[in-house]
Amino acid sequence: MRGVRVVAAMEAAKGIVVLLAGFGVVELLHYGIEPVIDELVRHTHLNFASRYPRIFLDLLEDLSDQRLWGLAALAFGYASMRFIEAYGLWRERRWAEWFAVASGGLYIPFELYELAKGLSWLKLATLAINLAVVGYMSYALWLTIRSGGQRASSSLR
């Protein structure tokens, strides 16, 4: 099923992005946060004396090694889940279809809440893509169940 493989590729891509972010956090542990802050100031030409950049700077300075290790562990755990889901979808496993529907559906209330706080094209696009993926995976799962566990070679191919 080509569509399920597209979803598998999307999940793998999300896993790669989060994995790279996790490696970035681990790099912060080795080199410290100060060089990152200095580079950010130099690159963006931000005035850290103003209110909003100062909030960001205070947040960065408050990061401890324990928090960074925690963020790295969360990133690697999340990436692992995305890779496992991508593998299961690519190999056409029913459990992965269930997992895709459940994990995608989990984000919908949060996306709706964010939309209620303020409308933006990014929020709308995120919700629309997630609804499309959850709907498609629900349909693929329904076809699998209806065919008695065998892949239906219907319009999804």
Protein backbone atom coordinates (compact mmCIF):
# COMPACT_ATOMS: atom_id res chain seq x y z
CA MET A 1 0.00 0.00 0.00
CA ARG A 2 1.76 3.07 -1.29
CA GLY A 3 0.01 5.51 1.05
CA VAL A 4 1.01 3.56 4.14
CA ARG A 5 4.61 3.65 2.93
CA VAL A 6 4.37 7.42 2.51
CA VAL A 7 3.22 7.64 6.14
CA ALA A 8 6.09 5.32 7.13
CA ALA A 9 8.55 7.62 5.38
CA MET A 10 7.04 10.66 7.15
CA GLU A 11 7.41 8.93 10.52
CA ALA A 12 11.01 8.00 9.75
CA ALA A 13 11.71 11.61 8.74
CA LYS A 14 10.24 12.87 12.03
CA GLY A 15 12.43 10.38 13.85
CA ILE A 16 15.53 11.60 12.02
CA VAL A 17 14.77 15.26 12.80
CA VAL A 18 14.23 14.55 16.50
CA LEU A 19 17.29 12.30 16.61
CA LEU A 20 19.42 15.11 15.15
CA ALA A 21 17.96 17.49 17.74
CA GLY A 22 18.87 14.98 20.45
CA PHE A 23 22.44 14.84 19.18
CA GLY A 24 22.47 18.63 19.25
CA VAL A 25 21.44 18.56 22.91
CA VAL A 26 24.22 16.07 23.67
CA GLU A 27 26.68 18.40 21.92
CA LEU A 28 25.57 21.14 24.31
CA LEU A 29 26.63 18.89 27.17
CA HIS A 30 30.15 18.65 25.76
CA TYR A 31 30.71 22.27 24.76
CA GLY A 32 28.42 24.12 27.14
CA ILE A 33 25.58 26.51 26.46
CA GLU A 34 27.67 29.72 26.41
CA PRO A 35 29.15 29.22 22.91
CA VAL A 36 25.66 28.54 21.58
CA ILE A 37 24.33 31.73 23.14
CA ASP A 38 27.29 33.72 21.79
CA GLU A 39 26.77 32.31 18.29
CA LEU A 40 23.03 33.02 18.48
CA VAL A 41 23.69 36.64 19.42
CA ARG A 42 26.27 37.03 16.65
CA HIS A 43 24.18 35.31 13.99
CA THR A 44 20.81 36.93 14.68
CA HIS A 45 22.02 40.36 15.83
CA LEU A 46 19.49 40.18 18.66
CA ASN A 47 19.41 42.82 21.34
CA PHE A 48 19.31 40.66 24.45
CA ALA A 49 18.63 43.74 26.57
CA SER A 50 15.07 43.81 25.21
CA ARG A 51 12.33 41.81 26.90
CA TYR A 52 11.64 38.78 24.65
CA PRO A 53 15.21 37.85 23.75
CA ARG A 54 16.09 38.21 27.45
CA ILE A 55 13.41 35.61 28.36
CA PHE A 56 14.97 33.22 25.84
CA LEU A 57 18.48 33.88 27.18
CA ASP A 58 17.36 33.30 30.78
CA LEU A 59 15.78 30.00 29.73
CA LEU A 60 18.97 28.86 28.00
CA GLU A 61 21.15 29.84 30.95
CA ASP A 62 18.87 27.91 33.34
CA LEU A 63 19.50 24.61 31.54
CA SER A 64 21.47 22.22 33.70
CA ASP A 65 23.34 19.12 32.60
CA GLN A 66 20.57 16.98 34.13
CA ARG A 67 17.90 18.81 32.14
CA LEU A 68 19.93 18.49 28.96
CA TRP A 69 20.40 14.75 29.54
CA GLY A 70 16.66 14.49 30.17
CA LEU A 71 15.88 16.34 26.93
CA ALA A 72 18.32 14.13 25.03
CA ALA A 73 16.76 10.98 26.51
CA LEU A 74 13.26 12.17 25.58
CA ALA A 75 14.43 12.97 22.05
CA PHE A 76 16.02 9.54 21.61
CA GLY A 77 12.94 7.81 23.07
CA TYR A 78 10.58 9.72 20.78
CA ALA A 79 12.80 9.08 17.75
CA SER A 80 12.89 5.36 18.60
CA MET A 81 9.09 5.26 18.69
CA ARG A 82 8.90 6.97 15.28
CA PHE A 83 11.44 4.51 13.81
CA ILE A 84 9.58 1.50 15.23
CA GLU A 85 6.31 2.81 13.82
CA ALA A 86 7.93 3.50 10.44
CA TYR A 87 9.40 -0.01 10.34
CA GLY A 88 6.04 -1.59 11.22
CA LEU A 89 4.19 0.44 8.60
CA TRP A 90 6.79 -0.29 5.93
CA ARG A 91 6.54 -4.02 6.72
CA GLU A 92 2.71 -3.78 6.67
CA ARG A 93 2.14 -4.78 10.29
CA ARG A 94 -1.34 -4.28 11.68
CA TRP A 95 -0.02 -3.20 15.10
CA ALA A 96 1.77 -0.33 13.38
CA GLU A 97 -1.47 0.80 11.75
CA TRP A 98 -3.15 0.82 15.16
CA PHE A 99 -0.19 2.69 16.59
CA ALA A 100 -0.27 5.26 13.76
CA VAL A 101 -3.98 5.94 14.31
CA ALA A 102 -3.58 6.20 18.09
CA SER A 103 -0.43 8.32 18.09
CA GLY A 104 -1.72 10.66 15.39
CA GLY A 105 -5.10 10.95 17.06
CA LEU A 106 -3.43 11.84 20.33
CA TYR A 107 -2.26 15.17 18.90
CA ILE A 108 -5.66 16.30 17.58
CA PRO A 109 -7.04 17.73 20.88
CA PHE A 110 -3.83 19.70 21.40
CA GLU A 111 -3.92 21.00 17.84
CA LEU A 112 -7.55 22.08 18.28
CA TYR A 113 -6.65 23.79 21.55
CA GLU A 114 -3.84 25.70 19.83
CA LEU A 115 -6.26 26.74 17.06
CA ALA A 116 -8.71 27.99 19.68
CA LYS A 117 -5.96 30.18 21.15
CA GLY A 118 -5.26 31.79 17.78
CA LEU A 119 -5.67 31.00 14.13
CA SER A 120 -2.65 30.66 11.84
CA TRP A 121 -1.88 28.92 8.55
CA LEU A 122 0.76 26.75 10.23
CA LYS A 123 -1.68 25.54 12.87
CA LEU A 124 -4.36 24.86 10.25
CA ALA A 125 -1.91 23.01 8.00
CA THR A 126 -0.62 20.91 10.91
CA LEU A 127 -4.15 19.91 11.90
CA ALA A 128 -5.17 19.21 8.28
CA ILE A 129 -2.14 17.00 7.62
CA ASN A 130 -2.61 15.13 10.88
CA LEU A 131 -6.32 14.59 10.20
CA ALA A 132 -5.50 13.34 6.70
CA VAL A 133 -2.90 10.88 8.03
CA VAL A 134 -5.16 9.63 10.84
CA GLY A 135 -8.08 9.30 8.43
CA TYR A 136 -6.02 7.46 5.84
CA MET A 137 -4.47 5.12 8.40
CA SER A 138 -7.94 4.43 9.86
CA TYR A 139 -9.16 3.56 6.38
CA ALA A 140 -6.14 1.31 5.72
CA LEU A 141 -6.68 -0.41 9.07
CA TRP A 142 -10.38 -0.87 8.32
CA LEU A 143 -9.51 -2.47 4.97
CA THR A 144 -7.02 -4.78 6.66
CA ILE A 145 -9.54 -5.85 9.30
CA ARG A 146 -12.31 -6.25 6.71
CA SER A 147 -10.15 -8.51 4.59
CA GLY A 148 -9.43 -10.76 7.55
CA GLY A 149 -5.90 -9.49 8.17
CA GLN A 150 -4.74 -9.83 4.58
CA ARG A 151 -3.83 -6.74 2.65
CA ALA A 152 -6.52 -5.64 0.27
CA SER A 153 -5.09 -4.81 -3.12
CA SER A 154 -7.83 -2.30 -3.74
CA SER A 155 -7.60 1.38 -4.48
CA LEU A 156 -4.87 1.90 -1.90
CA ARG A 157 -2.19 0.36 -4.13
